[in-house]
C-alpha atoms as a PDB file:
ATOM      1  CA  MET A   1       0.000   0.000   0.000  1.00  0.00           C
ATOM      2  CA  ALA A   2       1.347   3.399  -0.948  1.00  0.00           C
ATOM      3  CA  SER A   3       1.375   6.299   1.466  1.00  0.00           C
ATOM      4  CA  TYR A   4      -1.296   8.246  -0.422  1.00  0.00           C
ATOM      5  CA  TYR A   5      -4.191   5.712  -0.445  1.00  0.00           C
ATOM      6  CA  LEU A   6      -5.754   3.181   1.904  1.00  0.00           C
ATOM      7  CA  SER A   7      -5.956  -0.541   1.228  1.00  0.00           C
ATOM      8  CA  GLY A   8      -8.847  -1.367  -1.102  1.00  0.00           C
ATOM      9  CA  TYR A   9      -9.124   2.177  -2.447  1.00  0.00           C
ATOM     10  CA  GLU A  10      -7.019   2.703  -5.541  1.00  0.00           C
ATOM     11  CA  PRO A  11      -6.952   6.241  -7.039  1.00  0.00           C
ATOM     12  CA  PRO A  12      -7.483   6.909 -10.776  1.00  0.00           C
ATOM     13  CA  SER A  13      -4.672   6.458 -13.223  1.00  0.00           C
ATOM     14  CA  GLY A  14      -2.105   9.254 -13.055  1.00  0.00           C
ATOM     15  CA  VAL A  15      -2.498   9.906  -9.313  1.00  0.00           C
ATOM     16  CA  THR A  16       0.939   9.023  -7.951  1.00  0.00           C
ATOM     17  CA  GLY A  17       1.321  10.958  -4.702  1.00  0.00           C
ATOM     18  CA  ARG A  18      -0.271  12.939  -1.908  1.00  0.00           C
ATOM     19  CA  GLU A  19      -0.226  16.225  -3.859  1.00  0.00           C
ATOM     20  CA  ASP A  20      -2.139  14.614  -6.722  1.00  0.00           C
ATOM     21  CA  VAL A  21      -4.705  13.241  -4.257  1.00  0.00           C
ATOM     22  CA  LYS A  22      -5.075  16.665  -2.631  1.00  0.00           C
ATOM     23  CA  GLU A  23      -5.810  18.282  -5.994  1.00  0.00           C
ATOM     24  CA  TYR A  24      -8.496  15.660  -6.689  1.00  0.00           C
ATOM     25  CA  GLN A  25      -9.964  16.122  -3.195  1.00  0.00           C
ATOM     26  CA  LYS A  26     -10.237  19.880  -3.687  1.00  0.00           C
ATOM     27  CA  ARG A  27     -12.108  19.368  -6.956  1.00  0.00           C
ATOM     28  CA  LEU A  28     -14.396  16.811  -5.322  1.00  0.00           C
ATOM     29  CA  GLY A  29     -15.127  19.021  -2.286  1.00  0.00           C
ATOM     30  CA  VAL A  30     -13.789  16.674   0.404  1.00  0.00           C
ATOM     31  CA  THR A  31     -11.100  17.217   3.009  1.00  0.00           C
ATOM     32  CA  ALA A  32      -7.774  17.568   1.229  1.00  0.00           C
ATOM     33  CA  ASP A  33      -5.665  15.358   3.522  1.00  0.00           C
ATOM     34  CA  GLY A  34      -3.759  13.666   0.692  1.00  0.00           C
ATOM     35  CA  ILE A  35      -5.123  10.181   1.484  1.00  0.00           C
ATOM     36  CA  TRP A  36      -7.422   8.406  -0.989  1.00  0.00           C
ATOM     37  CA  GLY A  37      -9.929   6.633   1.239  1.00  0.00           C
ATOM     38  CA  PRO A  38     -13.649   5.755   1.375  1.00  0.00           C
ATOM     39  CA  LYS A  39     -14.934   9.356   1.452  1.00  0.00           C
ATOM     40  CA  THR A  40     -12.744  10.426  -1.447  1.00  0.00           C
ATOM     41  CA  GLN A  41     -13.666   7.311  -3.414  1.00  0.00           C
ATOM     42  CA  ALA A  42     -17.412   7.860  -2.807  1.00  0.00           C
ATOM     43  CA  ALA A  43     -17.194  11.515  -3.896  1.00  0.00           C
ATOM     44  CA  TYR A  44     -15.243  10.519  -6.993  1.00  0.00           C
ATOM     45  CA  GLU A  45     -17.789   7.835  -8.012  1.00  0.00           C
ATOM     46  CA  GLN A  46     -20.683  10.235  -7.395  1.00  0.00           C
ATOM     47  CA  SER A  47     -19.101  12.906  -9.605  1.00  0.00           C
ATOM     48  CA  GLN A  48     -18.631  10.371 -12.414  1.00  0.00           C
ATOM     49  CA  THR A  49     -22.251   9.184 -12.105  1.00  0.00           C
ATOM     50  CA  SER A  50     -23.609  12.765 -12.061  1.00  0.00           C
ATOM     51  CA  THR A  51     -21.613  13.657 -15.141  1.00  0.00           C
ATOM     52  CA  GLN A  52     -22.894  10.607 -16.992  1.00  0.00           C
ATOM     53  CA  LYS A  53     -26.514  11.296 -16.004  1.00  0.00           C
ATOM     54  CA  SER A  54     -26.189  14.902 -17.138  1.00  0.00           C
ATOM     55  CA  ALA A  55     -24.781  13.769 -20.466  1.00  0.00           C
ATOM     56  CA  ASN A  56     -27.590  11.278 -20.940  1.00  0.00           C
ATOM     57  CA  ALA A  57     -30.238  13.890 -20.059  1.00  0.00           C
ATOM     58  CA  THR A  58     -29.450  15.851 -23.211  1.00  0.00           C
ATOM     59  CA  ASP A  59     -30.854  13.276 -25.595  1.00  0.00           C
ATOM     60  CA  TYR A  60     -32.153  13.374 -29.126  1.00  0.00           C
ATOM     61  CA  GLU A  61     -35.778  14.048 -28.101  1.00  0.00           C
ATOM     62  CA  ASP A  62     -34.744  17.256 -26.323  1.00  0.00           C
ATOM     63  CA  TYR A  63     -33.033  18.503 -29.472  1.00  0.00           C
ATOM     64  CA  TYR A  64     -35.939  17.419 -31.647  1.00  0.00           C
ATOM     65  CA  ALA A  65     -38.334  19.457 -29.478  1.00  0.00           C
ATOM     66  CA  LEU A  66     -35.957  22.421 -29.710  1.00  0.00           C
ATOM     67  CA  ALA A  67     -35.624  22.053 -33.484  1.00  0.00           C
ATOM     68  CA  MET A  68     -39.410  22.034 -33.914  1.00  0.00           C
ATOM     69  CA  ARG A  69     -39.499  25.494 -32.313  1.00  0.00           C
ATOM     70  CA  TYR A  70     -37.419  26.822 -35.214  1.00  0.00           C
ATOM     71  CA  VAL A  71     -39.099  24.938 -38.081  1.00  0.00           C
ATOM     72  CA  GLU A  72     -42.740  25.293 -37.017  1.00  0.00           C
ATOM     73  CA  PRO A  73     -44.812  24.645 -40.138  1.00  0.00           C
ATOM     74  CA  GLU A  74     -46.957  27.330 -41.754  1.00  0.00           C
ATOM     75  CA  THR A  75     -50.547  26.115 -41.985  1.00  0.00           C
ATOM     76  CA  VAL A  76     -53.769  27.353 -43.559  1.00  0.00           C
ATOM     77  CA  LYS A  77     -57.204  27.535 -41.992  1.00  0.00           C
ATOM     78  CA  VAL A  78     -60.533  27.428 -43.822  1.00  0.00           C
ATOM     79  CA  ALA A  79     -63.160  29.858 -42.591  1.00  0.00           C
ATOM     80  CA  ALA A  80     -66.106  28.228 -40.853  1.00  0.00           C
ATOM     81  CA  PHE A  81     -69.074  27.378 -43.060  1.00  0.00           C
ATOM     82  CA  SER A  82     -72.650  28.168 -41.956  1.00  0.00           C
ATOM     83  CA  THR A  83     -75.476  26.575 -43.943  1.00  0.00           C
ATOM     84  CA  ASP A  84     -78.063  28.879 -42.376  1.00  0.00           C
ATOM     85  CA  GLU A  85     -76.118  32.025 -43.230  1.00  0.00           C
ATOM     86  CA  LEU A  86     -75.543  30.894 -46.823  1.00  0.00           C
ATOM     87  CA  LYS A  87     -79.197  29.918 -47.180  1.00  0.00           C
ATOM     88  CA  LYS A  88     -80.280  33.380 -46.063  1.00  0.00           C
ATOM     89  CA  GLU A  89     -77.839  34.943 -48.505  1.00  0.00           C
ATOM     90  CA  LEU A  90     -79.122  32.818 -51.407  1.00  0.00           C
ATOM     91  CA  GLN A  91     -82.739  33.532 -50.478  1.00  0.00           C
ATOM     92  CA  GLY A  92     -81.889  37.219 -50.429  1.00  0.00           C
ATOM     93  CA  TYR A  93     -81.257  37.326 -54.190  1.00  0.00           C
ATOM     94  CA  MET A  94     -83.277  34.301 -55.387  1.00  0.00           C
ATOM     95  CA  ARG A  95     -86.587  34.822 -53.592  1.00  0.00           C
ATOM     96  CA  PRO A  96     -87.445  38.266 -55.047  1.00  0.00           C
ATOM     97  CA  MET A  97     -87.250  36.851 -58.593  1.00  0.00           C
ATOM     98  CA  VAL A  98     -89.565  33.954 -57.635  1.00  0.00           C
ATOM     99  CA  ASP A  99     -92.029  36.269 -55.907  1.00  0.00           C
ATOM    100  CA  GLN A 100     -92.032  38.506 -58.969  1.00  0.00           C
ATOM    101  CA  SER A 101     -92.788  35.541 -61.266  1.00  0.00           C
ATOM    102  CA  ILE A 102     -95.596  34.402 -58.962  1.00  0.00           C
ATOM    103  CA  ALA A 103     -97.096  37.906 -58.887  1.00  0.00           C
ATOM    104  CA  ARG A 104     -97.012  38.109 -62.713  1.00  0.00           C
ATOM    105  CA  ARG A 105     -98.726  34.719 -63.010  1.00  0.00           C
ATOM    106  CA  ARG A 106    -101.490  35.714 -60.625  1.00  0.00           C
ATOM    107  CA  GLU A 107    -101.938  38.968 -62.456  1.00  0.00           C
ATOM    108  CA  ALA A 108    -102.188  37.082 -65.777  1.00  0.00           C
ATOM    109  CA  GLY A 109    -104.833  34.803 -64.264  1.00  0.00           C
ATOM    110  CA  GLU A 110    -106.890  37.728 -63.010  1.00  0.00           C
ATOM    111  CA  THR A 111    -106.648  39.414 -66.409  1.00  0.00           C
ATOM    112  CA  SER A 112    -107.802  36.235 -68.148  1.00  0.00           C
ATOM    113  CA  ASN A 113    -110.811  35.903 -65.843  1.00  0.00           C
ATOM    114  CA  ALA A 114    -111.723  39.544 -66.385  1.00  0.00           C
ATOM    115  CA  GLU A 115    -111.637  39.029 -70.150  1.00  0.00           C
ATOM    116  CA  LEU A 116    -113.870  35.935 -69.795  1.00  0.00           C
ATOM    117  CA  ASP A 117    -116.380  37.967 -67.797  1.00  0.00           C
ATOM    118  CA  ALA A 118    -116.377  40.766 -70.366  1.00  0.00           C
ATOM    119  CA  ASP A 119    -116.864  38.366 -73.240  1.00  0.00           C
ATOM    120  CA  ALA A 120    -119.687  36.545 -71.454  1.00  0.00           C
ATOM    121  CA  TYR A 121    -121.564  39.748 -70.702  1.00  0.00           C
ATOM    122  CA  SER A 122    -121.148  40.959 -74.281  1.00  0.00           C
ATOM    123  CA  ARG A 123    -122.772  37.751 -75.463  1.00  0.00           C
ATOM    124  CA  GLY A 124    -125.517  37.957 -72.846  1.00  0.00           C
ATOM    125  CA  MET A 125    -124.350  34.750 -71.176  1.00  0.00           C
ATOM    126  CA  GLY A 126    -124.025  36.282 -67.703  1.00  0.00           C
ATOM    127  CA  GLN A 127    -123.022  33.826 -64.959  1.00  0.00           C
ATOM    128  CA  SER A 128    -123.331  30.734 -67.086  1.00  0.00           C
ATOM    129  CA  THR A 129    -121.977  27.317 -66.169  1.00  0.00           C
ATOM    130  CA  TYR A 130    -119.559  27.536 -69.080  1.00  0.00           C
ATOM    131  CA  LEU A 131    -118.117  30.818 -67.743  1.00  0.00           C
ATOM    132  CA  SER A 132    -117.716  29.422 -64.242  1.00  0.00           C
ATOM    133  CA  SER A 133    -115.975  26.342 -65.610  1.00  0.00           C
ATOM    134  CA  MET A 134    -113.533  28.412 -67.677  1.00  0.00           C
ATOM    135  CA  LYS A 135    -112.675  30.659 -64.747  1.00  0.00           C
ATOM    136  CA  GLU A 136    -112.185  27.673 -62.423  1.00  0.00           C
ATOM    137  CA  ARG A 137    -109.868  26.066 -64.965  1.00  0.00           C
ATOM    138  CA  GLU A 138    -107.828  29.288 -65.175  1.00  0.00           C
ATOM    139  CA  ASN A 139    -107.574  29.490 -61.391  1.00  0.00           C
ATOM    140  CA  ASP A 140    -106.346  25.877 -61.278  1.00  0.00           C
ATOM    141  CA  ASP A 141    -103.722  26.692 -63.925  1.00  0.00           C
ATOM    142  CA  VAL A 142    -102.528  29.674 -61.863  1.00  0.00           C
ATOM    143  CA  ALA A 143    -102.218  27.544 -58.712  1.00  0.00           C
ATOM    144  CA  SER A 144    -100.410  24.805 -60.629  1.00  0.00           C
ATOM    145  CA  ASP A 145     -97.966  27.270 -62.165  1.00  0.00           C
ATOM    146  CA  ILE A 146     -97.257  28.870 -58.769  1.00  0.00           C
ATOM    147  CA  SER A 147     -96.598  25.441 -57.233  1.00  0.00           C
ATOM    148  CA  MET A 148     -94.197  24.713 -60.071  1.00  0.00           C
ATOM    149  CA  LEU A 149     -92.365  27.990 -59.468  1.00  0.00           C
ATOM    150  CA  GLU A 150     -92.069  27.204 -55.733  1.00  0.00           C
ATOM    151  CA  ALA A 151     -90.773  23.694 -56.500  1.00  0.00           C
ATOM    152  CA  GLN A 152     -88.204  25.020 -58.961  1.00  0.00           C
ATOM    153  CA  TYR A 153     -87.085  27.607 -56.424  1.00  0.00           C
ATOM    154  CA  GLY A 154     -86.691  24.987 -53.685  1.00  0.00           C
ATOM    155  CA  ALA A 155     -84.714  22.700 -56.007  1.00  0.00           C
ATOM    156  CA  ALA A 156     -82.406  25.511 -57.154  1.00  0.00           C
ATOM    157  CA  LEU A 157     -81.834  26.621 -53.553  1.00  0.00           C
ATOM    158  CA  ALA A 158     -81.011  23.061 -52.446  1.00  0.00           C
ATOM    159  CA  GLU A 159     -78.682  22.569 -55.415  1.00  0.00           C
ATOM    160  CA  LYS A 160     -76.730  25.730 -54.642  1.00  0.00           C
ATOM    161  CA  LEU A 161     -76.485  24.800 -50.950  1.00  0.00           C
ATOM    162  CA  TYR A 162     -75.244  21.318 -51.842  1.00  0.00           C
ATOM    163  CA  ALA A 163     -72.656  22.717 -54.257  1.00  0.00           C
ATOM    164  CA  ALA A 164     -71.458  25.189 -51.630  1.00  0.00           C
ATOM    165  CA  MET A 165     -71.188  22.450 -48.993  1.00  0.00           C
ATOM    166  CA  ALA A 166     -69.276  20.208 -51.414  1.00  0.00           C
ATOM    167  CA  ASP A 167     -66.902  23.058 -52.227  1.00  0.00           C
ATOM    168  CA  TYR A 168     -66.419  23.729 -48.504  1.00  0.00           C
ATOM    169  CA  GLN A 169     -65.639  20.066 -47.809  1.00  0.00           C
ATOM    170  CA  ASN A 170     -63.184  20.046 -50.708  1.00  0.00           C
ATOM    171  CA  ARG A 171     -61.437  23.144 -49.378  1.00  0.00           C
ATOM    172  CA  LEU A 172     -61.266  21.525 -45.931  1.00  0.00           C
ATOM    173  CA  PHE A 173     -59.687  18.430 -47.432  1.00  0.00           C
ATOM    174  CA  GLU A 174     -57.156  20.458 -49.419  1.00  0.00           C
ATOM    175  CA  ALA A 175     -56.266  22.503 -46.340  1.00  0.00           C
ATOM    176  CA  GLU A 176     -55.804  19.371 -44.224  1.00  0.00           C
ATOM    177  CA  LYS A 177     -53.679  17.824 -46.968  1.00  0.00           C
ATOM    178  CA  PHE A 178     -51.539  20.951 -47.237  1.00  0.00           C
ATOM    179  CA  ASN A 179     -51.139  21.196 -43.448  1.00  0.00           C
ATOM    180  CA  ALA A 180     -50.165  17.521 -43.224  1.00  0.00           C
ATOM    181  CA  GLN A 181     -47.534  18.006 -45.921  1.00  0.00           C
ATOM    182  CA  GLN A 182     -46.203  21.103 -44.176  1.00  0.00           C
ATOM    183  CA  LYS A 183     -46.060  19.252 -40.860  1.00  0.00           C
ATOM    184  CA  MET A 184     -44.249  16.301 -42.446  1.00  0.00           C
ATOM    185  CA  SER A 185     -41.729  18.630 -44.103  1.00  0.00           C
ATOM    186  CA  ALA A 186     -41.159  20.438 -40.804  1.00  0.00           C
ATOM    187  CA  GLN A 187     -40.678  17.153 -38.950  1.00  0.00           C
ATOM    188  CA  THR A 188     -38.176  15.985 -41.547  1.00  0.00           C
ATOM    189  CA  ALA A 189     -36.255  19.256 -41.281  1.00  0.00           C
ATOM    190  CA  ALA A 190     -36.422  19.107 -37.468  1.00  0.00           C
ATOM    191  CA  ARG A 191     -35.070  15.560 -37.415  1.00  0.00           C
ATOM    192  CA  GLY A 192     -32.125  16.613 -39.576  1.00  0.00           C
ATOM    193  CA  LEU A 193     -31.446  19.688 -37.457  1.00  0.00           C
ATOM    194  CA  ALA A 194     -31.844  17.704 -34.218  1.00  0.00           C
ATOM    195  CA  SER A 195     -29.410  15.061 -35.458  1.00  0.00           C
ATOM    196  CA  ASP A 196     -26.807  17.707 -36.264  1.00  0.00           C
ATOM    197  CA  MET A 197     -27.281  19.478 -32.920  1.00  0.00           C
ATOM    198  CA  TYR A 198     -27.260  16.205 -30.985  1.00  0.00           C
ATOM    199  CA  ALA A 199     -24.058  15.010 -32.679  1.00  0.00           C
ATOM    200  CA  ALA A 200     -22.341  18.335 -31.995  1.00  0.00           C
ATOM    201  CA  SER A 201     -23.527  18.269 -28.372  1.00  0.00           C
ATOM    202  CA  GLN A 202     -22.306  14.717 -27.864  1.00  0.00           C
ATOM    203  CA  ALA A 203     -18.907  15.678 -29.260  1.00  0.00           C
ATOM    204  CA  ALA A 204     -18.775  18.679 -26.917  1.00  0.00           C
ATOM    205  CA  GLN A 205     -19.779  16.570 -23.934  1.00  0.00           C
ATOM    206  CA  ALA A 206     -17.221  13.880 -24.804  1.00  0.00           C
ATOM    207  CA  ALA A 207     -14.492  16.524 -24.869  1.00  0.00           C
ATOM    208  CA  GLN A 208     -15.803  17.927 -21.595  1.00  0.00           C
ATOM    209  CA  MET A 209     -15.827  14.545 -19.886  1.00  0.00           C
ATOM    210  CA  GLN A 210     -12.310  13.891 -21.156  1.00  0.00           C
ATOM    211  CA  ALA A 211     -11.194  17.196 -19.656  1.00  0.00           C
ATOM    212  CA  GLN A 212     -12.858  16.304 -16.345  1.00  0.00           C
ATOM    213  CA  ALA A 213     -11.223  12.884 -16.309  1.00  0.00           C
ATOM    214  CA  GLN A 214      -7.732  14.306 -17.029  1.00  0.00           C
ATOM    215  CA  PRO A 215      -5.503  13.422 -14.038  1.00  0.00           C
ATOM    216  CA  PRO A 216      -4.024  16.306 -12.028  1.00  0.00           C
ATOM    217  CA  GLN A 217      -0.499  15.324 -13.027  1.00  0.00           C
ATOM    218  CA  ALA A 218      -1.330  15.729 -16.728  1.00  0.00           C
ATOM    219  CA  ALA A 219      -2.962  19.073 -16.015  1.00  0.00           C
ATOM    220  CA  LYS A 220       0.163  20.270 -14.220  1.00  0.00           C
ATOM    221  CA  LYS A 221       2.325  19.178 -17.126  1.00  0.00           C
ATOM    222  CA  SER A 222       0.095  21.035 -19.560  1.00  0.00           C
ATOM    223  CA  SER A 223       0.338  24.182 -17.446  1.00  0.00           C
ATOM    224  CA  SER A 224       4.080  23.977 -16.955  1.00  0.00           C
ATOM    225  CA  SER A 225       4.723  23.408 -20.655  1.00  0.00           C
ATOM    226  CA  GLY A 226       3.654  26.957 -21.472  1.00  0.00           C
ATOM    227  CA  GLY A 227      -0.009  26.210 -22.331  1.00  0.00           C
ATOM    228  CA  SER A 228      -2.902  28.157 -20.914  1.00  0.00           C
ATOM    229  CA  LYS A 229      -4.082  27.316 -17.416  1.00  0.00           C
ATOM    230  CA  GLN A 230      -6.817  24.675 -17.505  1.00  0.00           C
ATOM    231  CA  LYS A 231     -10.166  25.749 -16.077  1.00  0.00           C
ATOM    232  CA  ALA A 232     -12.462  23.492 -14.101  1.00  0.00           C
ATOM    233  CA  VAL A 233     -15.273  22.275 -16.327  1.00  0.00           C
ATOM    234  CA  ALA A 234     -18.802  22.141 -14.895  1.00  0.00           C
ATOM    235  CA  PRO A 235     -21.154  19.246 -15.714  1.00  0.00           C
ATOM    236  CA  ALA A 236     -23.157  19.742 -18.922  1.00  0.00           C
ATOM    237  CA  LEU A 237     -26.713  21.072 -18.789  1.00  0.00           C
ATOM    238  CA  SER A 238     -29.530  19.347 -20.647  1.00  0.00           C
ATOM    239  CA  ILE A 239     -31.828  21.297 -22.953  1.00  0.00           C
ATOM    240  CA  GLY A 240     -34.625  20.905 -20.416  1.00  0.00           C
ATOM    241  CA  GLU A 241     -32.420  22.307 -17.664  1.00  0.00           C
ATOM    242  CA  ILE A 242     -31.377  25.212 -19.890  1.00  0.00           C
ATOM    243  CA  TYR A 243     -34.998  26.188 -20.619  1.00  0.00           C
ATOM    244  CA  GLU A 244     -35.855  25.878 -16.922  1.00  0.00           C
ATOM    245  CA  LEU A 245     -32.894  28.119 -16.113  1.00  0.00           C
ATOM    246  CA  MET A 246     -33.977  30.726 -18.687  1.00  0.00           C
ATOM    247  CA  GLY A 247     -37.463  30.760 -17.185  1.00  0.00           C
ATOM    248  CA  ASP A 248     -36.025  31.463 -13.722  1.00  0.00           C
ATOM    249  CA  LEU A 249     -33.794  34.346 -14.857  1.00  0.00           C
ATOM    250  CA  SER A 250     -35.007  37.920 -15.086  1.00  0.00           C
ATOM    251  CA  GLU A 251     -34.445  39.986 -18.238  1.00  0.00           C
ATOM    252  CA  ASN A 252     -31.407  41.695 -16.701  1.00  0.00           C
ATOM    253  CA  GLU A 253     -29.989  38.362 -15.604  1.00  0.00           C
ATOM    254  CA  ARG A 254     -30.383  36.900 -19.105  1.00  0.00           C
ATOM    255  CA  LYS A 255     -28.660  39.994 -20.468  1.00  0.00           C
ATOM    256  CA  SER A 256     -25.786  39.433 -18.042  1.00  0.00           C
ATOM    257  CA  LEU A 257     -25.651  35.728 -18.905  1.00  0.00           C
ATOM    258  CA  PHE A 258     -25.038  36.426 -22.598  1.00  0.00           C
ATOM    259  CA  GLY A 259     -22.936  39.581 -22.258  1.00  0.00           C
ATOM    260  CA  GLY A 260     -21.840  40.149 -18.650  1.00  0.00           C
ATOM    261  CA  GLN A 261     -18.100  40.382 -17.925  1.00  0.00           C
ATOM    262  CA  THR A 262     -18.044  39.573 -14.211  1.00  0.00           C
ATOM    263  CA  ALA A 263     -16.430  36.320 -13.098  1.00  0.00           C
ATOM    264  CA  TYR A 264     -19.812  34.848 -12.100  1.00  0.00           C
ATOM    265  CA  TRP A 265     -21.564  35.492 -15.426  1.00  0.00           C
ATOM    266  CA  THR A 266     -18.493  34.571 -17.444  1.00  0.00           C
ATOM    267  CA  ALA A 267     -18.369  31.193 -15.690  1.00  0.00           C
ATOM    268  CA  ALA A 268     -22.125  30.689 -16.200  1.00  0.00           C
ATOM    269  CA  ARG A 269     -21.811  31.557 -19.893  1.00  0.00           C
ATOM    270  CA  GLU A 270     -18.891  29.146 -20.317  1.00  0.00           C
ATOM    271  CA  GLU A 271     -20.952  26.408 -18.671  1.00  0.00           C
ATOM    272  CA  LEU A 272     -23.817  27.074 -21.087  1.00  0.00           C
ATOM    273  CA  MET A 273     -21.521  27.150 -24.120  1.00  0.00           C
ATOM    274  CA  GLY A 274     -19.879  23.924 -22.975  1.00  0.00           C
ATOM    275  CA  SER A 275     -23.248  22.171 -22.735  1.00  0.00           C
ATOM    276  CA  VAL A 276     -24.424  22.721 -26.322  1.00  0.00           C
ATOM    277  CA  SER A 277     -23.025  23.154 -29.801  1.00  0.00           C
ATOM    278  CA  ALA A 278     -22.169  26.584 -31.202  1.00  0.00           C
ATOM    279  CA  GLU A 279     -25.299  26.508 -33.410  1.00  0.00           C
ATOM    280  CA  VAL A 280     -27.596  25.725 -30.474  1.00  0.00           C
ATOM    281  CA  TYR A 281     -25.943  28.430 -28.369  1.00  0.00           C
ATOM    282  CA  ARG A 282     -26.537  30.940 -31.171  1.00  0.00           C
ATOM    283  CA  LYS A 283     -30.226  30.016 -31.372  1.00  0.00           C
ATOM    284  CA  LEU A 284     -30.605  30.189 -27.584  1.00  0.00           C
ATOM    285  CA  LYS A 285     -28.998  33.622 -27.592  1.00  0.00           C
ATOM    286  CA  GLU A 286     -31.343  34.836 -30.352  1.00  0.00           C
ATOM    287  CA  GLU A 287     -34.361  33.535 -28.438  1.00  0.00           C
ATOM    288  CA  PHE A 288     -33.547  34.656 -24.896  1.00  0.00           C
ATOM    289  CA  GLU A 289     -31.131  37.604 -25.028  1.00  0.00           C
ATOM    290  CA  PRO A 290     -33.059  40.849 -24.387  1.00  0.00           C
ATOM    291  CA  ARG A 291     -33.005  43.253 -27.334  1.00  0.00           C
ATOM    292  CA  ALA A 292     -31.976  46.872 -26.862  1.00  0.00           C
ATOM    293  CA  ALA A 293     -34.819  49.375 -27.178  1.00  0.00           C
ATOM    294  CA  VAL A 294     -34.078  51.999 -29.846  1.00  0.00           C
ATOM    295  CA  SER A 295     -36.232  55.151 -29.944  1.00  0.00           C
ATOM    296  CA  THR A 296     -36.944  57.141 -33.106  1.00  0.00           C
ATOM    297  CA  PRO A 297     -36.298  60.918 -33.315  1.00  0.00           C
ATOM    298  CA  LYS A 298     -39.312  63.139 -32.844  1.00  0.00           C
ATOM    299  CA  ALA A 299     -40.527  65.164 -35.827  1.00  0.00           C
ATOM    300  CA  GLY A 300     -39.338  68.749 -35.837  1.00  0.00           C
ATOM    301  CA  GLY A 301     -35.652  68.190 -35.076  1.00  0.00           C
ATOM    302  CA  GLY A 302     -36.108  68.401 -31.324  1.00  0.00           C
ATOM    303  CA  GLY A 303     -33.572  65.668 -30.658  1.00  0.00           C
ATOM    304  CA  SER A 304     -34.140  62.044 -29.702  1.00  0.00           C
ATOM    305  CA  SER A 305     -34.114  59.914 -26.575  1.00  0.00           C
ATOM    306  CA  ALA A 306     -30.945  58.032 -25.739  1.00  0.00           C
ATOM    307  CA  ASN A 307     -30.472  54.699 -27.454  1.00  0.00           C
ATOM    308  CA  TYR A 308     -29.739  51.915 -25.012  1.00  0.00           C
ATOM    309  CA  VAL A 309     -27.106  49.694 -26.526  1.00  0.00           C
ATOM    310  CA  LYS A 310     -25.841  46.541 -24.841  1.00  0.00           C
END
C-alpha cells in the first residue's frame, strides 16, 4: 500500500502521490488530507455518475423538441361554413325573382278571368256554367304554375347549398392535406437539425468529460509546458435544464448571462456554451437575449431619446 491511499481504495490512473490526491480532493469538495480513502472514493464515483446522467439527459428528443421550435410549419385555416347564413344569402337574391314571377302569373290569371267575364256579358251569357268552368280552370292553372315555381325555387336553392357544402368540404380536405404536408416537411427538417445538434452536443460533452477525467499530473504538465491554465469544467446542462434556467432568470440576468463580464456570469456563460453546440448556443442567444430598445427621433428636429445599446 502506498502512502497516499488506503488498502482497497485505488486512485485513478495518473495519481501518484499525496499532492495529486489533494488536488483531486479539492475538486471533489472533500477534506484535502492527501489520502485516498472511502470518502474520497465515494465523492469521486458520485461525480462520475452525475456527469454521466447529465450527459444522458441531453438526448435526441430534447433537441428534436428544440428544433421544432425553429421549423414550425406554416398552416392554412378554412373559414367556418354556416349553412343557415348561406341559405339566407341565397334567399336574399333568389326569392325576389320567384315572388315577382308568382305575382305576374297571378296577375295574368286575373286578367284572363276579367276578359272571360267581359266576353260573357257581351254575349248575354251572364253567370253561365260555361263561364264558371272556364274561370275555375284558369284558377287551377294559376295555382299549378305557382306550385311549379315554388318547386323550382326549392330545387335551385337546395342545389346551390349542396354545391357550396361540397366546395367547402373540398377546401377543408385540401387545407388538411396541405397542413399535413407542411407538418411532415417540418418534422423531416427538425429531425435533420436535431441530429446535427445532438451530434455536436455529444462531441462537446465527450471533450468535456475527457477534460474532467484528465488526471491532475497531466494538467500540471500542460500548465508547466507553457499552455494556458486549464479551467475546471462544470457538468453539462440538458436542454430541459437550460430552458428551466432561462425561465427562472429575469431579463437583466439573461442579459448578463449572454454579455456580462463579471467572473460569475463569465463562468455561467462558459458552462452554457460547454453544454451545447455553437449553433444551439446561437439560437438560444437569439431567443432569450433581451433586445436593446431603440427610440426614433421626434418630428421637428427636437432631438431624440438616448439609445440603449448593450
